[in-house]
Amino acid sequence: MTARIPKPAPWSPWVPPKYEIHDVVAIQAVAGGTATPEQQQAAMRYIVDNLAGTYGMSYCPGDGDGRRDSDFAEGRRFVGLQLVKLIKLNVSLLRRKQNG
């Protein structure tokens, strides 16, 4: 009887996601302060959806390595969730709260 070799995970959270030229251009434009509104939206979408993996599952199967991969993926996801929270935050309510 031969030992079963587990299938590798379909993705690893520490592997950078694929990107297109327009993703790089948009992020560089945001960083340089020259982005158009469309580039700003594209950059945020790429960061939240792809770099942070905000809407993906952070669980990775496996024993020790699976837990570490899950922790890594959850860290990425946490950053995306914080960005989404700030994007959707009602600033007028925040100002009222700060001003008493």
Protein backbone atom coordinates (compact mmCIF):
# COMPACT_ATOMS: atom_id res chain seq x y z
CA MET A 1 0.00 0.00 0.00
CA THR A 2 1.37 3.40 -0.93
CA ALA A 3 1.03 6.51 1.16
CA ARG A 4 -1.47 9.10 0.01
CA ILE A 5 0.11 12.37 -0.95
CA PRO A 6 -2.14 15.27 -0.06
CA LYS A 7 -3.12 17.63 -2.84
CA PRO A 8 -1.53 21.05 -2.53
CA ALA A 9 -3.76 23.92 -1.60
CA PRO A 10 -5.26 25.65 -4.65
CA TRP A 11 -3.52 28.83 -3.51
CA SER A 12 -1.10 29.92 -0.85
CA PRO A 13 -1.77 33.20 0.93
CA TRP A 14 1.88 34.22 0.88
CA VAL A 15 2.12 34.02 -2.91
CA PRO A 16 1.54 37.48 -4.40
CA PRO A 17 -1.60 37.69 -6.54
CA LYS A 18 -1.38 38.15 -10.28
CA TYR A 19 -1.51 41.68 -11.60
CA GLU A 20 -1.96 43.41 -14.93
CA ILE A 21 -0.18 46.50 -16.20
CA HIS A 22 -3.26 48.65 -15.48
CA ASP A 23 -3.17 47.52 -11.82
CA VAL A 24 0.47 48.60 -11.48
CA VAL A 25 -0.16 51.90 -13.27
CA ALA A 26 -3.16 52.68 -11.03
CA ILE A 27 -1.27 51.93 -7.80
CA GLN A 28 1.77 53.91 -8.91
CA ALA A 29 -0.46 56.85 -9.85
CA VAL A 30 -2.12 56.79 -6.43
CA ALA A 31 1.26 56.61 -4.72
CA GLY A 32 2.54 59.48 -6.84
CA GLY A 33 -0.51 61.67 -6.25
CA THR A 34 -1.43 61.81 -9.94
CA ALA A 35 -4.22 59.23 -10.18
CA THR A 36 -7.43 59.95 -12.00
CA PRO A 37 -10.66 59.10 -10.17
CA GLU A 38 -10.87 55.89 -12.23
CA GLN A 39 -7.30 54.93 -11.30
CA GLN A 40 -8.02 55.61 -7.64
CA GLN A 41 -11.03 53.30 -7.75
CA ALA A 42 -9.11 50.64 -9.68
CA ALA A 43 -6.23 50.77 -7.21
CA MET A 44 -8.51 50.44 -4.19
CA ARG A 45 -10.42 47.60 -5.84
CA TYR A 46 -7.17 45.75 -6.58
CA ILE A 47 -5.84 46.31 -3.06
CA VAL A 48 -9.05 45.26 -1.30
CA ASP A 49 -10.03 42.38 -3.59
CA ASN A 50 -6.66 40.95 -4.63
CA LEU A 51 -3.81 42.07 -2.39
CA ALA A 52 -5.77 41.78 0.84
CA GLY A 53 -8.09 38.97 -0.25
CA THR A 54 -10.83 40.65 1.75
CA TYR A 55 -13.72 38.59 0.42
CA GLY A 56 -11.93 35.25 0.17
CA MET A 57 -11.80 32.48 2.70
CA SER A 58 -8.78 32.73 4.99
CA TYR A 59 -8.91 29.10 6.14
CA CYS A 60 -6.16 26.90 4.75
CA PRO A 61 -6.29 23.14 5.40
CA GLY A 62 -3.42 21.29 6.98
CA ASP A 63 -1.79 20.86 10.35
CA GLY A 64 0.96 23.28 11.37
CA ASP A 65 1.48 24.77 7.92
CA GLY A 66 -2.26 25.11 7.38
CA ARG A 67 -2.66 27.06 10.59
CA ARG A 68 0.23 29.35 9.69
CA ASP A 69 -1.17 29.87 6.20
CA SER A 70 -4.61 30.59 7.68
CA ASP A 71 -3.09 33.10 10.11
CA PHE A 72 -1.20 34.78 7.26
CA ALA A 73 -4.33 34.93 5.09
CA GLU A 74 -6.37 36.32 7.98
CA GLY A 75 -3.79 39.06 8.52
CA ARG A 76 -4.10 40.08 4.87
CA ARG A 77 -7.87 39.94 5.11
CA PHE A 78 -7.88 42.08 8.26
CA VAL A 79 -6.13 44.89 6.37
CA GLY A 80 -8.77 44.72 3.63
CA LEU A 81 -11.60 44.75 6.15
CA GLN A 82 -10.16 47.84 7.83
CA LEU A 83 -9.92 49.61 4.47
CA VAL A 84 -13.51 48.70 3.62
CA LYS A 85 -14.65 49.92 7.05
CA LEU A 86 -12.97 53.30 6.52
CA ILE A 87 -14.35 53.56 2.99
CA LYS A 88 -17.90 52.98 4.22
CA LEU A 89 -17.64 54.92 7.50
CA ASN A 90 -20.16 57.74 7.88
CA VAL A 91 -17.81 60.70 8.37
CA SER A 92 -20.56 63.09 9.48
CA LEU A 93 -21.49 60.75 12.36
CA LEU A 94 -17.82 60.45 13.28
CA ARG A 95 -17.44 64.25 13.34
CA ARG A 96 -20.54 64.63 15.51
CA LYS A 97 -19.20 62.04 17.91
CA GLN A 98 -15.81 63.77 18.13
CA ASN A 99 -17.36 67.23 18.59
CA GLY A 100 -19.65 66.04 21.37
